[in-house]
Amino acid sequence: MANLDILTDAQREILDPVIELGIPRDDLILVGGGAMQVYGLKRTQDIDVVVRPETLVSEIEAWESNRGLKRSAVLGRIGLQHTFTNQRKGVVKYEGSEYGAAEYGGITYMLAPNDHLFSASFEELQSDANEIGGVLVASPDQLLAWKLGVNRQKDKRDIQTLTEFIMR
């Protein structure tokens, strides 16, 4: 899919905050519901990005030094064992998998998934991603594979929507 010059308001709602992060294009991939919104498949306020591990480390350090956050995240796969704490915005999530996710400023940052439910390296997600509005967006095929692998009840509608979209 080519980089689109004309974007809808719904696409901008998701892509603009991602671009404002200032993370290099090749170090970040939009996934989840936000990616589905960019493809016109659903509406959401959920913005999840998979970030290259070394870039995520840099982001964590920036949060700590520039934004006054304390260490505190579990990002076990890259050897980080600390937590982010900020009563207003920076809450850490750890999904019990071999990857961690941290939320800051309404965006969830995560490492590429690597567990028994679904596994894909950053490079695998990147190789199949589409550039839309200057942001790499996980392909519908990768989104479907991830949601099928995790197979949460809340993903059932997304699985059906993605399947129908891919089969068109």
N, C-alpha and C. Protein backbone atom coordinates (compact mmCIF):
# COMPACT_ATOMS: atom_id res chain seq x y z
N MET A 1 0.85 -1.17 0.00
CA MET A 1 0.00 0.00 0.00
C MET A 1 0.90 1.24 0.00
N ALA A 2 0.63 2.18 -0.82
CA ALA A 2 1.46 3.37 -0.96
C ALA A 2 1.20 4.34 0.19
N ASN A 3 2.14 5.21 0.42
CA ASN A 3 1.96 6.29 1.39
C ASN A 3 0.88 7.22 0.87
N LEU A 4 -0.15 7.42 1.66
CA LEU A 4 -1.28 8.23 1.22
C LEU A 4 -1.03 9.70 1.51
N ASP A 5 -1.30 10.56 0.52
CA ASP A 5 -1.14 11.99 0.73
C ASP A 5 -2.36 12.61 1.37
N ILE A 6 -3.54 12.09 1.06
CA ILE A 6 -4.78 12.63 1.60
C ILE A 6 -5.30 11.65 2.63
N LEU A 7 -5.37 12.10 3.88
CA LEU A 7 -5.81 11.24 4.97
C LEU A 7 -7.15 11.73 5.51
N THR A 8 -7.94 10.81 6.00
CA THR A 8 -9.21 11.17 6.61
C THR A 8 -8.97 11.70 8.02
N ASP A 9 -9.98 12.35 8.57
CA ASP A 9 -9.89 12.82 9.96
C ASP A 9 -9.68 11.65 10.91
N ALA A 10 -10.34 10.52 10.63
CA ALA A 10 -10.20 9.34 11.49
C ALA A 10 -8.76 8.81 11.46
N GLN A 11 -8.14 8.84 10.29
CA GLN A 11 -6.74 8.41 10.21
C GLN A 11 -5.84 9.38 10.96
N ARG A 12 -6.07 10.68 10.79
CA ARG A 12 -5.26 11.71 11.47
C ARG A 12 -5.37 11.60 12.98
N GLU A 13 -6.55 11.23 13.49
CA GLU A 13 -6.74 11.08 14.95
C GLU A 13 -5.74 10.10 15.54
N ILE A 14 -5.38 9.11 14.76
CA ILE A 14 -4.45 8.09 15.22
C ILE A 14 -3.01 8.42 14.80
N LEU A 15 -2.82 8.81 13.56
CA LEU A 15 -1.46 9.00 13.03
C LEU A 15 -0.77 10.24 13.60
N ASP A 16 -1.49 11.33 13.79
CA ASP A 16 -0.85 12.57 14.27
C ASP A 16 -0.17 12.38 15.63
N PRO A 17 -0.85 11.79 16.63
CA PRO A 17 -0.16 11.57 17.91
C PRO A 17 1.06 10.66 17.79
N VAL A 18 1.01 9.69 16.88
CA VAL A 18 2.14 8.79 16.68
C VAL A 18 3.31 9.56 16.07
N ILE A 19 3.04 10.40 15.08
CA ILE A 19 4.09 11.20 14.46
C ILE A 19 4.70 12.16 15.47
N GLU A 20 3.85 12.74 16.33
CA GLU A 20 4.33 13.69 17.34
C GLU A 20 5.27 13.07 18.36
N LEU A 21 5.30 11.75 18.46
CA LEU A 21 6.24 11.09 19.37
C LEU A 21 7.68 11.39 18.98
N GLY A 22 7.91 11.64 17.68
CA GLY A 22 9.26 11.93 17.22
C GLY A 22 10.16 10.71 17.12
N ILE A 23 9.58 9.54 17.19
CA ILE A 23 10.37 8.31 17.06
C ILE A 23 10.59 8.07 15.57
N PRO A 24 11.82 7.74 15.17
CA PRO A 24 12.07 7.50 13.74
C PRO A 24 11.10 6.49 13.14
N ARG A 25 10.68 6.74 11.92
CA ARG A 25 9.67 5.92 11.24
C ARG A 25 10.02 4.44 11.26
N ASP A 26 11.27 4.10 11.06
CA ASP A 26 11.65 2.69 10.98
C ASP A 26 11.81 2.02 12.34
N ASP A 27 11.54 2.74 13.43
CA ASP A 27 11.67 2.19 14.78
C ASP A 27 10.34 1.95 15.46
N LEU A 28 9.23 2.15 14.75
CA LEU A 28 7.91 2.10 15.37
C LEU A 28 6.89 1.55 14.38
N ILE A 29 5.97 0.71 14.88
CA ILE A 29 4.90 0.17 14.05
C ILE A 29 3.59 0.31 14.82
N LEU A 30 2.60 0.92 14.19
CA LEU A 30 1.27 1.05 14.77
C LEU A 30 0.57 -0.29 14.66
N VAL A 31 -0.02 -0.76 15.77
CA VAL A 31 -0.70 -2.06 15.80
C VAL A 31 -2.08 -1.88 16.45
N GLY A 32 -2.80 -2.98 16.58
CA GLY A 32 -4.05 -3.00 17.33
C GLY A 32 -5.18 -2.19 16.72
N GLY A 33 -6.05 -1.71 17.61
CA GLY A 33 -7.23 -0.97 17.18
C GLY A 33 -6.90 0.29 16.40
N GLY A 34 -5.82 0.97 16.78
CA GLY A 34 -5.42 2.17 16.05
C GLY A 34 -5.08 1.86 14.61
N ALA A 35 -4.40 0.74 14.38
CA ALA A 35 -4.10 0.33 13.01
C ALA A 35 -5.39 0.01 12.26
N MET A 36 -6.33 -0.63 12.95
CA MET A 36 -7.61 -0.94 12.31
C MET A 36 -8.36 0.34 11.93
N GLN A 37 -8.26 1.37 12.78
CA GLN A 37 -8.91 2.64 12.44
C GLN A 37 -8.27 3.26 11.20
N VAL A 38 -6.95 3.19 11.11
CA VAL A 38 -6.27 3.75 9.95
C VAL A 38 -6.73 3.04 8.66
N TYR A 39 -7.02 1.75 8.75
CA TYR A 39 -7.53 1.01 7.60
C TYR A 39 -9.03 1.22 7.38
N GLY A 40 -9.67 2.00 8.26
CA GLY A 40 -11.10 2.27 8.11
C GLY A 40 -11.99 1.15 8.59
N LEU A 41 -11.48 0.30 9.50
CA LEU A 41 -12.22 -0.88 9.93
C LEU A 41 -12.94 -0.73 11.25
N LYS A 42 -12.60 0.27 12.03
CA LYS A 42 -13.27 0.50 13.32
C LYS A 42 -12.89 1.88 13.83
N ARG A 43 -13.57 2.35 14.85
CA ARG A 43 -13.21 3.59 15.54
C ARG A 43 -12.73 3.22 16.94
N THR A 44 -11.69 3.91 17.39
CA THR A 44 -11.14 3.63 18.71
C THR A 44 -10.33 4.84 19.17
N GLN A 45 -10.03 4.88 20.45
CA GLN A 45 -9.08 5.86 20.97
C GLN A 45 -7.81 5.15 21.41
N ASP A 46 -7.74 3.88 21.12
CA ASP A 46 -6.63 3.02 21.55
C ASP A 46 -5.47 3.14 20.56
N ILE A 47 -4.34 3.63 21.04
CA ILE A 47 -3.15 3.73 20.20
C ILE A 47 -2.05 2.87 20.81
N ASP A 48 -1.70 1.80 20.11
CA ASP A 48 -0.64 0.89 20.54
C ASP A 48 0.45 0.90 19.49
N VAL A 49 1.70 0.99 19.94
CA VAL A 49 2.82 0.96 19.02
C VAL A 49 3.85 -0.07 19.50
N VAL A 50 4.38 -0.82 18.55
CA VAL A 50 5.50 -1.71 18.83
C VAL A 50 6.75 -0.92 18.47
N VAL A 51 7.70 -0.87 19.41
CA VAL A 51 8.89 -0.05 19.24
C VAL A 51 10.13 -0.96 19.26
N ARG A 52 11.06 -0.66 18.38
CA ARG A 52 12.34 -1.39 18.35
C ARG A 52 12.94 -1.32 19.77
N PRO A 53 13.44 -2.45 20.31
CA PRO A 53 13.89 -2.48 21.72
C PRO A 53 14.86 -1.37 22.11
N GLU A 54 15.88 -1.13 21.31
CA GLU A 54 16.86 -0.12 21.71
C GLU A 54 16.24 1.29 21.71
N THR A 55 15.27 1.52 20.85
CA THR A 55 14.57 2.80 20.82
C THR A 55 13.68 2.93 22.05
N LEU A 56 13.04 1.83 22.45
CA LEU A 56 12.21 1.87 23.65
C LEU A 56 13.04 2.19 24.88
N VAL A 57 14.23 1.65 24.96
CA VAL A 57 15.13 1.97 26.08
C VAL A 57 15.40 3.48 26.10
N SER A 58 15.66 4.07 24.95
CA SER A 58 15.90 5.51 24.87
C SER A 58 14.68 6.31 25.30
N GLU A 59 13.50 5.85 24.89
CA GLU A 59 12.26 6.52 25.28
C GLU A 59 12.08 6.48 26.80
N ILE A 60 12.35 5.32 27.40
CA ILE A 60 12.22 5.18 28.84
C ILE A 60 13.16 6.16 29.55
N GLU A 61 14.39 6.24 29.08
CA GLU A 61 15.35 7.15 29.68
C GLU A 61 14.88 8.60 29.54
N ALA A 62 14.28 8.95 28.41
CA ALA A 62 13.77 10.31 28.21
C ALA A 62 12.60 10.59 29.16
N TRP A 63 11.72 9.61 29.34
CA TRP A 63 10.60 9.80 30.26
C TRP A 63 11.14 10.09 31.66
N GLU A 64 12.16 9.34 32.05
CA GLU A 64 12.70 9.48 33.39
C GLU A 64 13.37 10.82 33.59
N SER A 65 14.19 11.24 32.63
CA SER A 65 14.95 12.47 32.83
C SER A 65 14.15 13.73 32.52
N ASN A 66 13.33 13.69 31.48
CA ASN A 66 12.63 14.90 31.06
C ASN A 66 11.25 15.05 31.65
N ARG A 67 10.65 13.97 32.06
CA ARG A 67 9.26 14.04 32.49
C ARG A 67 9.08 13.63 33.94
N GLY A 68 10.18 13.44 34.66
CA GLY A 68 10.11 13.18 36.09
C GLY A 68 9.51 11.84 36.49
N LEU A 69 9.60 10.85 35.65
CA LEU A 69 9.06 9.55 36.01
C LEU A 69 10.10 8.74 36.76
N LYS A 70 9.64 7.90 37.66
CA LYS A 70 10.53 6.95 38.32
C LYS A 70 10.58 5.68 37.50
N ARG A 71 11.68 4.97 37.60
CA ARG A 71 11.80 3.69 36.89
C ARG A 71 10.76 2.72 37.41
N SER A 72 10.24 1.92 36.48
CA SER A 72 9.31 0.90 36.91
C SER A 72 8.57 0.25 35.76
N ALA A 73 9.18 -0.55 34.98
CA ALA A 73 8.49 -1.33 33.96
C ALA A 73 9.10 -2.68 33.89
N VAL A 74 8.36 -3.61 33.47
CA VAL A 74 8.92 -4.94 33.30
C VAL A 74 9.02 -5.17 31.81
N LEU A 75 10.21 -5.05 31.31
CA LEU A 75 10.47 -5.30 29.90
C LEU A 75 11.53 -6.39 29.86
N GLY A 76 11.15 -7.56 30.34
CA GLY A 76 12.08 -8.63 30.62
C GLY A 76 12.91 -9.09 29.46
N ARG A 77 12.36 -9.06 28.24
CA ARG A 77 13.09 -9.61 27.12
C ARG A 77 14.34 -8.84 26.80
N ILE A 78 14.38 -7.56 27.14
CA ILE A 78 15.60 -6.80 26.87
C ILE A 78 16.36 -6.52 28.16
N GLY A 79 16.01 -7.24 29.22
CA GLY A 79 16.79 -7.19 30.44
C GLY A 79 16.48 -6.01 31.34
N LEU A 80 15.40 -5.31 31.12
CA LEU A 80 15.06 -4.19 32.00
C LEU A 80 14.11 -4.70 33.07
N GLN A 81 14.40 -4.37 34.28
CA GLN A 81 13.53 -4.76 35.39
C GLN A 81 13.30 -3.52 36.23
N HIS A 82 12.46 -2.63 35.76
CA HIS A 82 12.10 -1.49 36.58
C HIS A 82 10.69 -1.06 36.27
N THR A 83 10.19 -0.12 37.03
CA THR A 83 8.80 0.27 36.88
C THR A 83 8.67 1.77 36.68
N PHE A 84 7.66 2.16 35.93
CA PHE A 84 7.34 3.57 35.78
C PHE A 84 6.22 3.87 36.75
N THR A 85 6.32 4.95 37.46
CA THR A 85 5.19 5.35 38.29
C THR A 85 4.95 6.84 38.09
N ASN A 86 3.77 7.16 37.78
CA ASN A 86 3.34 8.55 37.63
C ASN A 86 1.85 8.50 37.82
N GLN A 87 1.35 9.13 38.85
CA GLN A 87 -0.05 9.02 39.19
C GLN A 87 -0.97 9.47 38.08
N ARG A 88 -0.53 10.40 37.23
CA ARG A 88 -1.43 10.92 36.22
C ARG A 88 -1.37 10.16 34.90
N LYS A 89 -0.19 9.88 34.39
CA LYS A 89 -0.15 9.37 33.02
C LYS A 89 0.64 8.10 32.80
N GLY A 90 1.64 7.81 33.53
CA GLY A 90 2.53 6.72 33.13
C GLY A 90 2.29 5.45 33.92
N VAL A 91 1.42 4.63 33.46
CA VAL A 91 1.11 3.39 34.15
C VAL A 91 1.68 2.24 33.36
N VAL A 92 2.31 1.33 34.05
CA VAL A 92 2.90 0.21 33.35
C VAL A 92 1.96 -0.97 33.29
N LYS A 93 2.00 -1.66 32.19
CA LYS A 93 1.26 -2.90 32.04
C LYS A 93 2.28 -4.00 31.81
N TYR A 94 2.04 -5.12 32.40
CA TYR A 94 2.83 -6.30 32.04
C TYR A 94 1.83 -7.41 31.84
N GLU A 95 1.83 -8.01 30.70
CA GLU A 95 0.79 -8.95 30.31
C GLU A 95 1.09 -10.39 30.71
N GLY A 96 2.10 -10.63 31.48
CA GLY A 96 2.42 -12.00 31.84
C GLY A 96 3.10 -12.75 30.71
N SER A 97 3.52 -12.04 29.71
CA SER A 97 4.19 -12.65 28.57
C SER A 97 5.66 -12.32 28.64
N GLU A 98 6.39 -12.65 27.58
CA GLU A 98 7.81 -12.35 27.56
C GLU A 98 8.07 -10.97 26.99
N TYR A 99 7.08 -10.14 26.96
CA TYR A 99 7.29 -8.77 26.54
C TYR A 99 6.49 -7.88 27.47
N GLY A 100 6.88 -6.65 27.56
CA GLY A 100 6.19 -5.73 28.42
C GLY A 100 5.58 -4.61 27.62
N ALA A 101 4.73 -3.84 28.28
CA ALA A 101 4.13 -2.69 27.63
C ALA A 101 4.02 -1.59 28.66
N ALA A 102 4.28 -0.38 28.24
CA ALA A 102 4.18 0.76 29.13
C ALA A 102 3.29 1.81 28.49
N GLU A 103 2.42 2.40 29.28
CA GLU A 103 1.56 3.44 28.76
C GLU A 103 2.08 4.79 29.25
N TYR A 104 2.16 5.72 28.32
CA TYR A 104 2.55 7.08 28.68
C TYR A 104 1.83 8.04 27.75
N GLY A 105 1.17 9.01 28.31
CA GLY A 105 0.51 10.04 27.50
C GLY A 105 -0.56 9.48 26.59
N GLY A 106 -1.23 8.40 27.00
CA GLY A 106 -2.32 7.85 26.21
C GLY A 106 -1.90 6.90 25.11
N ILE A 107 -0.62 6.63 24.99
CA ILE A 107 -0.13 5.70 23.97
C ILE A 107 0.55 4.54 24.68
N THR A 108 0.24 3.32 24.26
CA THR A 108 0.87 2.15 24.83
C THR A 108 2.06 1.75 23.96
N TYR A 109 3.23 1.72 24.57
CA TYR A 109 4.48 1.32 23.90
C TYR A 109 4.74 -0.13 24.28
N MET A 110 5.11 -0.95 23.31
CA MET A 110 5.41 -2.34 23.64
C MET A 110 6.52 -2.88 22.76
N LEU A 111 7.07 -3.98 23.23
CA LEU A 111 8.02 -4.73 22.42
C LEU A 111 7.23 -5.68 21.53
N ALA A 112 7.86 -6.18 20.49
CA ALA A 112 7.20 -7.16 19.63
C ALA A 112 6.80 -8.37 20.48
N PRO A 113 5.65 -8.95 20.20
CA PRO A 113 5.18 -10.08 21.00
C PRO A 113 6.04 -11.32 20.82
N ASN A 114 6.28 -11.99 21.93
CA ASN A 114 7.09 -13.21 21.88
C ASN A 114 6.64 -14.13 23.00
N ASP A 115 5.54 -14.81 22.79
CA ASP A 115 5.06 -15.74 23.80
C ASP A 115 4.35 -16.90 23.13
N HIS A 116 3.75 -17.75 23.93
CA HIS A 116 3.11 -18.94 23.38
C HIS A 116 1.84 -18.63 22.60
N LEU A 117 1.29 -17.43 22.75
CA LEU A 117 0.06 -17.06 22.05
C LEU A 117 0.33 -16.53 20.65
N PHE A 118 1.32 -15.65 20.55
CA PHE A 118 1.67 -15.07 19.25
C PHE A 118 3.10 -14.55 19.34
N SER A 119 3.86 -14.82 18.33
CA SER A 119 5.25 -14.38 18.31
C SER A 119 5.60 -13.82 16.94
N ALA A 120 6.15 -12.63 16.93
CA ALA A 120 6.65 -12.02 15.70
C ALA A 120 7.73 -11.02 16.10
N SER A 121 8.83 -11.06 15.42
CA SER A 121 9.90 -10.10 15.72
C SER A 121 9.52 -8.74 15.18
N PHE A 122 10.22 -7.72 15.65
CA PHE A 122 9.99 -6.37 15.13
C PHE A 122 10.19 -6.38 13.61
N GLU A 123 11.25 -7.05 13.17
CA GLU A 123 11.57 -7.09 11.74
C GLU A 123 10.49 -7.79 10.92
N GLU A 124 9.88 -8.85 11.50
CA GLU A 124 8.78 -9.53 10.79
C GLU A 124 7.57 -8.61 10.65
N LEU A 125 7.22 -7.92 11.72
CA LEU A 125 6.10 -6.98 11.65
C LEU A 125 6.41 -5.86 10.65
N GLN A 126 7.64 -5.38 10.69
CA GLN A 126 8.06 -4.27 9.83
C GLN A 126 8.04 -4.67 8.35
N SER A 127 8.48 -5.89 8.05
CA SER A 127 8.59 -6.31 6.65
C SER A 127 7.23 -6.38 5.95
N ASP A 128 6.19 -6.57 6.70
CA ASP A 128 4.86 -6.70 6.13
C ASP A 128 4.01 -5.44 6.35
N ALA A 129 4.57 -4.44 7.03
CA ALA A 129 3.81 -3.23 7.37
C ALA A 129 3.61 -2.34 6.15
N ASN A 130 2.59 -1.51 6.22
CA ASN A 130 2.29 -0.52 5.18
C ASN A 130 2.60 0.87 5.71
N GLU A 131 3.20 1.71 4.89
CA GLU A 131 3.43 3.09 5.30
C GLU A 131 2.19 3.90 4.91
N ILE A 132 1.60 4.51 5.92
CA ILE A 132 0.41 5.34 5.70
C ILE A 132 0.64 6.64 6.46
N GLY A 133 0.63 7.74 5.73
CA GLY A 133 0.81 9.04 6.36
C GLY A 133 2.12 9.19 7.10
N GLY A 134 3.16 8.50 6.64
CA GLY A 134 4.47 8.60 7.27
C GLY A 134 4.68 7.68 8.46
N VAL A 135 3.73 6.78 8.72
CA VAL A 135 3.81 5.86 9.86
C VAL A 135 3.71 4.43 9.32
N LEU A 136 4.55 3.54 9.84
CA LEU A 136 4.42 2.13 9.51
C LEU A 136 3.25 1.55 10.29
N VAL A 137 2.34 0.90 9.58
CA VAL A 137 1.12 0.34 10.17
C VAL A 137 1.14 -1.16 9.91
N ALA A 138 0.97 -1.94 10.97
CA ALA A 138 0.96 -3.40 10.81
C ALA A 138 -0.06 -3.79 9.75
N SER A 139 0.29 -4.78 8.96
CA SER A 139 -0.60 -5.22 7.88
C SER A 139 -1.86 -5.87 8.48
N PRO A 140 -2.96 -5.85 7.73
CA PRO A 140 -4.15 -6.56 8.19
C PRO A 140 -3.87 -8.04 8.47
N ASP A 141 -3.02 -8.69 7.67
CA ASP A 141 -2.68 -10.09 7.91
C ASP A 141 -2.00 -10.28 9.26
N GLN A 142 -1.05 -9.40 9.60
CA GLN A 142 -0.36 -9.50 10.89
C GLN A 142 -1.32 -9.18 12.04
N LEU A 143 -2.18 -8.19 11.86
CA LEU A 143 -3.16 -7.87 12.91
C LEU A 143 -4.07 -9.06 13.18
N LEU A 144 -4.52 -9.70 12.11
CA LEU A 144 -5.39 -10.87 12.26
C LEU A 144 -4.65 -12.01 12.95
N ALA A 145 -3.43 -12.29 12.53
CA ALA A 145 -2.65 -13.36 13.15
C ALA A 145 -2.46 -13.11 14.64
N TRP A 146 -2.17 -11.86 15.01
CA TRP A 146 -1.96 -11.50 16.42
C TRP A 146 -3.25 -11.70 17.20
N LYS A 147 -4.37 -11.19 16.66
CA LYS A 147 -5.64 -11.30 17.38
C LYS A 147 -6.12 -12.75 17.47
N LEU A 148 -5.89 -13.53 16.42
CA LEU A 148 -6.24 -14.95 16.48
C LEU A 148 -5.39 -15.67 17.52
N GLY A 149 -4.10 -15.33 17.58
CA GLY A 149 -3.22 -15.97 18.54
C GLY A 149 -3.60 -15.69 19.97
N VAL A 150 -3.89 -14.44 20.26
CA VAL A 150 -4.26 -14.04 21.62
C VAL A 150 -5.69 -14.51 21.92
N ASN A 151 -6.57 -14.37 20.93
CA ASN A 151 -7.94 -14.89 20.98
C ASN A 151 -8.72 -14.48 22.23
N ARG A 152 -8.66 -13.18 22.56
CA ARG A 152 -9.43 -12.67 23.69
C ARG A 152 -10.88 -12.44 23.25
N GLN A 153 -11.78 -12.51 24.18
CA GLN A 153 -13.19 -12.28 23.88
C GLN A 153 -13.38 -10.91 23.24
N LYS A 154 -12.67 -9.90 23.74
CA LYS A 154 -12.84 -8.54 23.21
C LYS A 154 -12.35 -8.39 21.77
N ASP A 155 -11.59 -9.38 21.27
CA ASP A 155 -11.07 -9.32 19.90
C ASP A 155 -11.95 -10.05 18.88
N LYS A 156 -13.00 -10.71 19.31
CA LYS A 156 -13.82 -11.53 18.40
C LYS A 156 -14.36 -10.71 17.23
N ARG A 157 -14.89 -9.52 17.51
CA ARG A 157 -15.44 -8.69 16.43
C ARG A 157 -14.32 -8.24 15.49
N ASP A 158 -13.16 -7.88 16.06
CA ASP A 158 -12.02 -7.47 15.22
C ASP A 158 -11.57 -8.61 14.31
N ILE A 159 -11.56 -9.83 14.84
CA ILE A 159 -11.17 -11.00 14.05
C ILE A 159 -12.11 -11.15 12.86
N GLN A 160 -13.39 -11.03 13.10
CA GLN A 160 -14.37 -11.15 12.01
C GLN A 160 -14.19 -10.02 10.99
N THR A 161 -14.01 -8.80 11.48
CA THR A 161 -13.83 -7.64 10.59
C THR A 161 -12.58 -7.79 9.74
N LEU A 162 -11.47 -8.17 10.36
CA LEU A 162 -10.23 -8.34 9.62
C LEU A 162 -10.32 -9.47 8.60
N THR A 163 -10.95 -10.57 8.98
CA THR A 163 -11.12 -11.70 8.06
C THR A 163 -11.89 -11.26 6.83
N GLU A 164 -12.99 -10.56 7.05
CA GLU A 164 -13.81 -10.09 5.92
C GLU A 164 -13.03 -9.10 5.04
N PHE A 165 -12.27 -8.22 5.67
CA PHE A 165 -11.48 -7.22 4.93
C PHE A 165 -10.42 -7.91 4.06
N ILE A 166 -9.73 -8.88 4.62
CA ILE A 166 -8.67 -9.58 3.90
C ILE A 166 -9.24 -10.40 2.74
N MET A 167 -10.41 -10.96 2.94
CA MET A 167 -11.00 -11.83 1.92
C MET A 167 -11.63 -11.06 0.76
N ARG A 168 -11.80 -9.75 0.91
CA ARG A 168 -12.37 -8.94 -0.19
C ARG A 168 -11.51 -8.94 -1.41
